Amino acid sequence: MEIPVEHKKMVLVRAGTVEDIPRGEGRCFTIQDRRIAIFHLEDGSFGAVDHDCPHRGGPLSDGIVGRDSVICPLHGWRIDLRTGVVIGQEGKSVKTYPVRIEQGEILLKVQG
């Protein structure tokens, strides 16, 4: 019997190291068959969202990283990395993932 998604527990999964992503850039990681874009923001914090833009599947990890958002490189949609909301596109969003840094390792909280 498969456990419904809402009842699966959250687990921490190693994505990579802090050194894998220069400040102000993003990288794509495959975690549990999901492509997730992880960003190293200028203030040293990290954000993570689903990799594909909801507009036309643009590669968000290749986007322009702002203070707390990323701009899709294909058509300019701006995604808030804290909430996943596409700014100016009502009802559009991407899934966000909590990020934890421990001893230089990037850990994502995902459903296990």
C-alpha atoms as a PDB file:
ATOM      1  CA  MET A   1       0.000   0.000   0.000  1.00  0.00           C
ATOM      2  CA  GLU A   2       1.397   3.382  -0.974  1.00  0.00           C
ATOM      3  CA  ILE A   3       1.491   6.081   1.690  1.00  0.00           C
ATOM      4  CA  PRO A   4      -0.277   9.291   0.568  1.00  0.00           C
ATOM      5  CA  VAL A   5       2.152  12.171   0.034  1.00  0.00           C
ATOM      6  CA  GLU A   6       0.611  14.267   2.813  1.00  0.00           C
ATOM      7  CA  HIS A   7       1.366  11.480   5.299  1.00  0.00           C
ATOM      8  CA  LYS A   8       4.989  10.862   4.322  1.00  0.00           C
ATOM      9  CA  LYS A   9       7.529  12.221   6.766  1.00  0.00           C
ATOM     10  CA  MET A  10      10.108  14.832   5.865  1.00  0.00           C
ATOM     11  CA  VAL A  11      13.745  13.758   5.616  1.00  0.00           C
ATOM     12  CA  LEU A  12      17.030  15.578   5.101  1.00  0.00           C
ATOM     13  CA  VAL A  13      18.876  14.664   1.909  1.00  0.00           C
ATOM     14  CA  ARG A  14      22.410  15.721   1.018  1.00  0.00           C
ATOM     15  CA  ALA A  15      22.487  17.709  -2.223  1.00  0.00           C
ATOM     16  CA  GLY A  16      26.115  18.818  -2.361  1.00  0.00           C
ATOM     17  CA  THR A  17      28.511  21.204  -0.677  1.00  0.00           C
ATOM     18  CA  VAL A  18      28.509  24.956  -0.231  1.00  0.00           C
ATOM     19  CA  GLU A  19      31.537  25.105  -2.557  1.00  0.00           C
ATOM     20  CA  ASP A  20      29.485  23.532  -5.376  1.00  0.00           C
ATOM     21  CA  ILE A  21      27.524  26.771  -5.864  1.00  0.00           C
ATOM     22  CA  PRO A  22      29.299  30.146  -6.090  1.00  0.00           C
ATOM     23  CA  ARG A  23      27.532  33.105  -4.460  1.00  0.00           C
ATOM     24  CA  GLY A  24      24.996  34.692  -6.744  1.00  0.00           C
ATOM     25  CA  GLU A  25      24.487  31.520  -8.794  1.00  0.00           C
ATOM     26  CA  GLY A  26      22.298  28.426  -8.932  1.00  0.00           C
ATOM     27  CA  ARG A  27      22.835  24.772  -9.785  1.00  0.00           C
ATOM     28  CA  CYS A  28      20.500  21.911 -10.657  1.00  0.00           C
ATOM     29  CA  PHE A  29      20.547  18.776  -8.498  1.00  0.00           C
ATOM     30  CA  THR A  30      18.521  15.605  -8.912  1.00  0.00           C
ATOM     31  CA  ILE A  31      17.078  14.558  -5.559  1.00  0.00           C
ATOM     32  CA  GLN A  32      14.737  11.555  -5.379  1.00  0.00           C
ATOM     33  CA  ASP A  33      14.006  11.788  -9.122  1.00  0.00           C
ATOM     34  CA  ARG A  34      13.187  15.521  -8.833  1.00  0.00           C
ATOM     35  CA  ARG A  35      15.195  18.271 -10.481  1.00  0.00           C
ATOM     36  CA  ILE A  36      15.717  20.976  -7.875  1.00  0.00           C
ATOM     37  CA  ALA A  37      17.424  24.337  -8.393  1.00  0.00           C
ATOM     38  CA  ILE A  38      19.519  25.397  -5.408  1.00  0.00           C
ATOM     39  CA  PHE A  39      20.754  28.979  -5.159  1.00  0.00           C
ATOM     40  CA  HIS A  40      23.594  30.497  -3.131  1.00  0.00           C
ATOM     41  CA  LEU A  41      22.378  34.019  -2.469  1.00  0.00           C
ATOM     42  CA  GLU A  42      24.671  37.029  -2.122  1.00  0.00           C
ATOM     43  CA  ASP A  43      24.019  37.246   1.635  1.00  0.00           C
ATOM     44  CA  GLY A  44      25.365  33.693   2.038  1.00  0.00           C
ATOM     45  CA  SER A  45      21.984  32.034   2.510  1.00  0.00           C
ATOM     46  CA  PHE A  46      20.536  29.347   0.234  1.00  0.00           C
ATOM     47  CA  GLY A  47      17.176  28.820  -1.446  1.00  0.00           C
ATOM     48  CA  ALA A  48      15.769  25.825  -3.326  1.00  0.00           C
ATOM     49  CA  VAL A  49      12.816  25.449  -5.698  1.00  0.00           C
ATOM     50  CA  ASP A  50      11.652  23.071  -8.406  1.00  0.00           C
ATOM     51  CA  HIS A  51      14.015  23.483 -11.342  1.00  0.00           C
ATOM     52  CA  ASP A  52      11.532  24.082 -14.146  1.00  0.00           C
ATOM     53  CA  CYS A  53       9.777  27.429 -14.568  1.00  0.00           C
ATOM     54  CA  PRO A  54       5.974  27.008 -14.607  1.00  0.00           C
ATOM     55  CA  HIS A  55       5.725  29.136 -17.761  1.00  0.00           C
ATOM     56  CA  ARG A  56       7.524  26.979 -20.320  1.00  0.00           C
ATOM     57  CA  GLY A  57       9.902  24.812 -18.300  1.00  0.00           C
ATOM     58  CA  GLY A  58      12.848  27.198 -18.388  1.00  0.00           C
ATOM     59  CA  PRO A  59      15.918  26.088 -16.391  1.00  0.00           C
ATOM     60  CA  LEU A  60      15.680  28.203 -13.257  1.00  0.00           C
ATOM     61  CA  SER A  61      19.180  27.227 -12.102  1.00  0.00           C
ATOM     62  CA  ASP A  62      20.503  29.199 -15.101  1.00  0.00           C
ATOM     63  CA  GLY A  63      18.500  32.296 -14.162  1.00  0.00           C
ATOM     64  CA  ILE A  64      19.643  35.640 -12.815  1.00  0.00           C
ATOM     65  CA  VAL A  65      19.750  35.503  -9.024  1.00  0.00           C
ATOM     66  CA  GLY A  66      18.592  38.540  -7.073  1.00  0.00           C
ATOM     67  CA  ARG A  67      18.484  39.206  -3.350  1.00  0.00           C
ATOM     68  CA  ASP A  68      15.686  36.693  -2.747  1.00  0.00           C
ATOM     69  CA  SER A  69      14.443  35.780  -6.208  1.00  0.00           C
ATOM     70  CA  VAL A  70      15.484  34.268  -9.530  1.00  0.00           C
ATOM     71  CA  ILE A  71      14.549  35.428 -13.021  1.00  0.00           C
ATOM     72  CA  CYS A  72      13.857  32.669 -15.527  1.00  0.00           C
ATOM     73  CA  PRO A  73      16.415  32.897 -18.353  1.00  0.00           C
ATOM     74  CA  LEU A  74      13.851  32.122 -21.082  1.00  0.00           C
ATOM     75  CA  HIS A  75      11.025  34.606 -20.610  1.00  0.00           C
ATOM     76  CA  GLY A  76      11.849  36.723 -17.567  1.00  0.00           C
ATOM     77  CA  TRP A  77       9.398  35.362 -15.006  1.00  0.00           C
ATOM     78  CA  ARG A  78      10.587  36.295 -11.500  1.00  0.00           C
ATOM     79  CA  ILE A  79      10.199  33.668  -8.758  1.00  0.00           C
ATOM     80  CA  ASP A  80      10.397  34.470  -5.052  1.00  0.00           C
ATOM     81  CA  LEU A  81      12.818  31.903  -3.597  1.00  0.00           C
ATOM     82  CA  ARG A  82      11.221  32.084  -0.133  1.00  0.00           C
ATOM     83  CA  THR A  83       7.653  31.368  -1.225  1.00  0.00           C
ATOM     84  CA  GLY A  84       7.924  29.945  -4.750  1.00  0.00           C
ATOM     85  CA  VAL A  85       5.384  32.506  -5.988  1.00  0.00           C
ATOM     86  CA  VAL A  86       5.855  33.881  -9.503  1.00  0.00           C
ATOM     87  CA  ILE A  87       5.721  37.632  -9.051  1.00  0.00           C
ATOM     88  CA  GLY A  88       3.093  39.263 -11.262  1.00  0.00           C
ATOM     89  CA  GLN A  89       1.563  35.953 -12.414  1.00  0.00           C
ATOM     90  CA  GLU A  90      -1.466  35.277 -10.234  1.00  0.00           C
ATOM     91  CA  GLY A  91      -1.795  31.650  -9.159  1.00  0.00           C
ATOM     92  CA  LYS A  92       1.579  30.562 -10.569  1.00  0.00           C
ATOM     93  CA  SER A  93       4.245  29.106  -8.293  1.00  0.00           C
ATOM     94  CA  VAL A  94       6.916  26.457  -7.867  1.00  0.00           C
ATOM     95  CA  LYS A  95       7.545  24.193  -4.899  1.00  0.00           C
ATOM     96  CA  THR A  96      10.128  25.392  -2.392  1.00  0.00           C
ATOM     97  CA  TYR A  97      12.399  23.215  -0.260  1.00  0.00           C
ATOM     98  CA  PRO A  98      13.853  24.104   3.137  1.00  0.00           C
ATOM     99  CA  VAL A  99      17.658  24.209   3.033  1.00  0.00           C
ATOM    100  CA  ARG A 100      19.982  23.528   5.939  1.00  0.00           C
ATOM    101  CA  ILE A 101      23.757  23.937   5.927  1.00  0.00           C
ATOM    102  CA  GLU A 102      25.743  21.663   8.229  1.00  0.00           C
ATOM    103  CA  GLN A 103      29.529  21.533   8.170  1.00  0.00           C
ATOM    104  CA  GLY A 104      29.629  22.830   4.610  1.00  0.00           C
ATOM    105  CA  GLU A 105      27.037  20.323   3.352  1.00  0.00           C
ATOM    106  CA  ILE A 106      23.811  21.447   1.645  1.00  0.00           C
ATOM    107  CA  LEU A 107      20.877  19.461   3.043  1.00  0.00           C
ATOM    108  CA  LEU A 108      17.354  19.674   1.634  1.00  0.00           C
ATOM    109  CA  LYS A 109      14.209  18.754   3.511  1.00  0.00           C
ATOM    110  CA  VAL A 110      12.066  16.612   1.219  1.00  0.00           C
ATOM    111  CA  GLN A 111       9.250  14.139   1.669  1.00  0.00           C
ATOM    112  CA  GLY A 112      10.671  10.676   2.315  1.00  0.00           C
END
